[in-house]
N, C-alpha and C. Protein backbone atom coordinates (compact mmCIF):
# COMPACT_ATOMS: atom_id res chain seq x y z
N MET A 1 0.84 -1.19 0.00
CA MET A 1 0.00 0.00 0.00
C MET A 1 0.88 1.25 0.00
N TYR A 2 0.56 2.18 -0.84
CA TYR A 2 1.34 3.41 -0.97
C TYR A 2 1.01 4.37 0.17
N GLU A 3 2.04 4.90 0.79
CA GLU A 3 1.86 5.96 1.78
C GLU A 3 2.57 7.20 1.27
N PRO A 4 1.84 8.31 1.19
CA PRO A 4 2.48 9.53 0.69
C PRO A 4 3.53 10.04 1.67
N PRO A 5 4.46 10.83 1.19
CA PRO A 5 5.49 11.39 2.09
C PRO A 5 4.86 12.32 3.13
N ILE A 6 5.50 12.40 4.27
CA ILE A 6 5.06 13.27 5.36
C ILE A 6 6.06 14.42 5.47
N HIS A 7 5.54 15.62 5.68
CA HIS A 7 6.37 16.82 5.82
C HIS A 7 6.05 17.50 7.15
N TRP A 8 6.82 18.50 7.52
CA TRP A 8 6.68 19.16 8.82
C TRP A 8 5.28 19.71 9.06
N ASN A 9 4.58 20.16 8.04
CA ASN A 9 3.26 20.74 8.26
C ASN A 9 2.13 19.71 8.23
N ASP A 10 2.44 18.44 8.15
CA ASP A 10 1.44 17.37 8.22
C ASP A 10 1.26 16.95 9.68
N TYR A 11 0.80 17.89 10.48
CA TYR A 11 0.76 17.71 11.93
C TYR A 11 -0.05 16.49 12.38
N GLU A 12 -1.23 16.33 11.80
CA GLU A 12 -2.08 15.21 12.22
C GLU A 12 -1.47 13.87 11.84
N ASP A 13 -0.86 13.79 10.67
CA ASP A 13 -0.21 12.55 10.25
C ASP A 13 0.96 12.21 11.18
N ILE A 14 1.75 13.23 11.52
CA ILE A 14 2.88 13.02 12.41
C ILE A 14 2.38 12.59 13.79
N ALA A 15 1.34 13.26 14.28
CA ALA A 15 0.79 12.92 15.60
C ALA A 15 0.29 11.48 15.64
N LEU A 16 -0.38 11.06 14.59
CA LEU A 16 -0.88 9.68 14.53
C LEU A 16 0.28 8.70 14.56
N LYS A 17 1.33 8.97 13.79
CA LYS A 17 2.50 8.08 13.77
C LYS A 17 3.18 8.02 15.13
N LEU A 18 3.28 9.17 15.80
CA LEU A 18 3.90 9.19 17.11
C LEU A 18 3.05 8.44 18.12
N TYR A 19 1.73 8.61 18.04
CA TYR A 19 0.86 7.87 18.95
C TYR A 19 0.96 6.37 18.69
N GLU A 20 1.00 5.98 17.42
CA GLU A 20 1.15 4.56 17.09
C GLU A 20 2.47 4.01 17.63
N LYS A 21 3.50 4.82 17.59
CA LYS A 21 4.82 4.38 18.06
C LYS A 21 4.88 4.28 19.58
N PHE A 22 4.38 5.30 20.28
CA PHE A 22 4.54 5.38 21.72
C PHE A 22 3.30 5.00 22.52
N GLY A 23 2.13 4.95 21.86
CA GLY A 23 0.91 4.58 22.57
C GLY A 23 0.65 5.48 23.76
N ASP A 24 0.31 4.85 24.88
CA ASP A 24 -0.02 5.60 26.09
C ASP A 24 1.19 5.82 26.99
N ASP A 25 2.41 5.61 26.46
CA ASP A 25 3.61 5.89 27.24
C ASP A 25 3.70 7.37 27.59
N PHE A 26 3.11 8.20 26.72
CA PHE A 26 3.11 9.64 26.95
C PHE A 26 1.69 10.12 27.16
N THR A 27 1.43 10.66 28.35
CA THR A 27 0.14 11.27 28.64
C THR A 27 0.18 12.71 28.16
N GLU A 28 -0.95 13.40 28.29
CA GLU A 28 -1.01 14.79 27.83
C GLU A 28 0.10 15.64 28.44
N SER A 29 0.26 15.56 29.75
CA SER A 29 1.28 16.41 30.39
C SER A 29 2.69 16.01 29.97
N LYS A 30 2.92 14.73 29.75
CA LYS A 30 4.25 14.29 29.32
C LYS A 30 4.54 14.73 27.89
N ILE A 31 3.53 14.71 27.03
CA ILE A 31 3.72 15.15 25.64
C ILE A 31 4.17 16.61 25.62
N TYR A 32 3.54 17.44 26.44
CA TYR A 32 3.89 18.87 26.45
C TYR A 32 5.25 19.13 27.10
N ARG A 33 5.81 18.15 27.80
CA ARG A 33 7.12 18.33 28.43
C ARG A 33 8.25 17.73 27.60
N ILE A 34 7.95 17.17 26.46
CA ILE A 34 9.00 16.59 25.60
C ILE A 34 9.90 17.71 25.09
N ARG A 35 11.18 17.51 25.20
CA ARG A 35 12.13 18.50 24.67
C ARG A 35 12.04 18.51 23.15
N PHE A 36 12.10 19.69 22.56
CA PHE A 36 12.01 19.81 21.11
C PHE A 36 13.15 19.06 20.42
N THR A 37 14.32 19.01 21.05
CA THR A 37 15.43 18.28 20.42
C THR A 37 15.09 16.80 20.28
N ASP A 38 14.40 16.23 21.28
CA ASP A 38 13.96 14.82 21.18
C ASP A 38 12.86 14.67 20.15
N LEU A 39 11.90 15.58 20.16
CA LEU A 39 10.77 15.50 19.23
C LEU A 39 11.26 15.56 17.78
N ILE A 40 12.21 16.43 17.51
CA ILE A 40 12.77 16.52 16.15
C ILE A 40 13.34 15.17 15.72
N GLU A 41 14.11 14.55 16.59
CA GLU A 41 14.72 13.24 16.26
C GLU A 41 13.65 12.19 15.98
N TRP A 42 12.60 12.16 16.80
CA TRP A 42 11.54 11.17 16.62
C TRP A 42 10.80 11.38 15.31
N VAL A 43 10.54 12.64 14.98
CA VAL A 43 9.83 12.94 13.72
C VAL A 43 10.71 12.56 12.53
N LEU A 44 11.98 12.93 12.58
CA LEU A 44 12.88 12.61 11.47
C LEU A 44 12.99 11.10 11.24
N ALA A 45 12.79 10.30 12.29
CA ALA A 45 12.91 8.85 12.19
C ALA A 45 11.62 8.16 11.73
N LEU A 46 10.53 8.91 11.58
CA LEU A 46 9.26 8.29 11.17
C LEU A 46 9.35 7.78 9.73
N PRO A 47 8.70 6.64 9.46
CA PRO A 47 8.66 6.14 8.08
C PRO A 47 7.96 7.15 7.18
N HIS A 48 8.48 7.34 6.01
CA HIS A 48 7.90 8.21 4.97
C HIS A 48 8.04 9.70 5.28
N PHE A 49 8.80 10.06 6.33
CA PHE A 49 9.00 11.48 6.61
C PHE A 49 10.10 12.00 5.71
N GLU A 50 9.81 13.11 5.01
CA GLU A 50 10.77 13.63 4.05
C GLU A 50 11.28 15.03 4.38
N GLY A 51 10.94 15.55 5.55
CA GLY A 51 11.46 16.86 5.93
C GLY A 51 12.89 16.76 6.43
N THR A 52 13.49 17.89 6.65
CA THR A 52 14.85 17.94 7.18
C THR A 52 14.85 18.66 8.52
N ARG A 53 15.91 18.47 9.26
CA ARG A 53 16.07 19.14 10.55
C ARG A 53 16.02 20.67 10.36
N GLU A 54 16.63 21.15 9.29
CA GLU A 54 16.69 22.59 9.03
C GLU A 54 15.31 23.19 8.74
N GLN A 55 14.39 22.39 8.27
CA GLN A 55 13.04 22.88 7.96
C GLN A 55 12.14 22.95 9.19
N SER A 56 12.57 22.34 10.28
CA SER A 56 11.74 22.37 11.50
C SER A 56 11.81 23.75 12.13
N ASN A 57 10.76 24.09 12.86
CA ASN A 57 10.78 25.34 13.64
C ASN A 57 9.86 25.17 14.84
N GLU A 58 9.90 26.12 15.73
CA GLU A 58 9.13 26.04 16.97
C GLU A 58 7.64 25.90 16.70
N GLY A 59 7.14 26.62 15.71
CA GLY A 59 5.72 26.55 15.37
C GLY A 59 5.30 25.15 14.95
N HIS A 60 6.10 24.53 14.09
CA HIS A 60 5.81 23.15 13.68
C HIS A 60 5.79 22.22 14.89
N LEU A 61 6.79 22.34 15.74
CA LEU A 61 6.91 21.43 16.88
C LEU A 61 5.77 21.62 17.87
N GLU A 62 5.34 22.86 18.08
CA GLU A 62 4.20 23.11 18.97
C GLU A 62 2.92 22.52 18.39
N MET A 63 2.74 22.65 17.09
CA MET A 63 1.54 22.08 16.45
C MET A 63 1.55 20.55 16.49
N ILE A 64 2.73 19.96 16.35
CA ILE A 64 2.85 18.51 16.44
C ILE A 64 2.48 18.07 17.85
N GLN A 65 2.98 18.76 18.87
CA GLN A 65 2.64 18.41 20.25
C GLN A 65 1.13 18.51 20.47
N SER A 66 0.52 19.59 20.04
CA SER A 66 -0.93 19.77 20.23
C SER A 66 -1.71 18.67 19.51
N SER A 67 -1.32 18.36 18.30
CA SER A 67 -2.01 17.31 17.54
C SER A 67 -1.84 15.95 18.19
N TRP A 68 -0.65 15.71 18.74
CA TRP A 68 -0.39 14.45 19.44
C TRP A 68 -1.28 14.35 20.68
N VAL A 69 -1.45 15.44 21.41
CA VAL A 69 -2.34 15.45 22.58
C VAL A 69 -3.76 15.13 22.15
N TYR A 70 -4.24 15.73 21.07
CA TYR A 70 -5.60 15.43 20.59
C TYR A 70 -5.72 13.97 20.20
N GLU A 71 -4.72 13.43 19.56
CA GLU A 71 -4.72 12.01 19.18
C GLU A 71 -4.77 11.13 20.43
N TRP A 72 -3.98 11.48 21.44
CA TRP A 72 -3.95 10.73 22.69
C TRP A 72 -5.32 10.77 23.36
N ARG A 73 -5.92 11.98 23.42
CA ARG A 73 -7.26 12.14 24.03
C ARG A 73 -8.29 11.29 23.30
N ASP A 74 -8.26 11.31 21.98
CA ASP A 74 -9.24 10.54 21.18
C ASP A 74 -9.15 9.04 21.48
N ASN A 75 -8.01 8.57 21.92
CA ASN A 75 -7.82 7.14 22.16
C ASN A 75 -7.99 6.75 23.62
N GLN A 76 -8.47 7.65 24.45
CA GLN A 76 -8.61 7.34 25.88
C GLN A 76 -10.00 6.81 26.24
N ASN A 77 -10.88 6.68 25.30
CA ASN A 77 -12.25 6.18 25.58
C ASN A 77 -12.34 4.68 25.45
C-alpha cells in the first residue's frame, strides 16, 4: 500500500504516527514536556517522513505536540 510522504506541516499525520509508536507511554502532560530536540529526532525517524532538521521550527513542533495530545485524548475512551 502506498503511503504519501510526510512533511513538517502534516501535523495530524505526524501525531498519529507518534501515537502509534509510543501509545499511552506519553500522557497529555508528558507530551507537552517533551524536549524539542527529542521531538525533532523522533519525527525525522518516522517512516515516509521527508522533511529535514533545518526545515523544522518552533511553530511546527508546537503544532505537532498539540495534535499528538488530541490524538492521545481521542484514544482514551
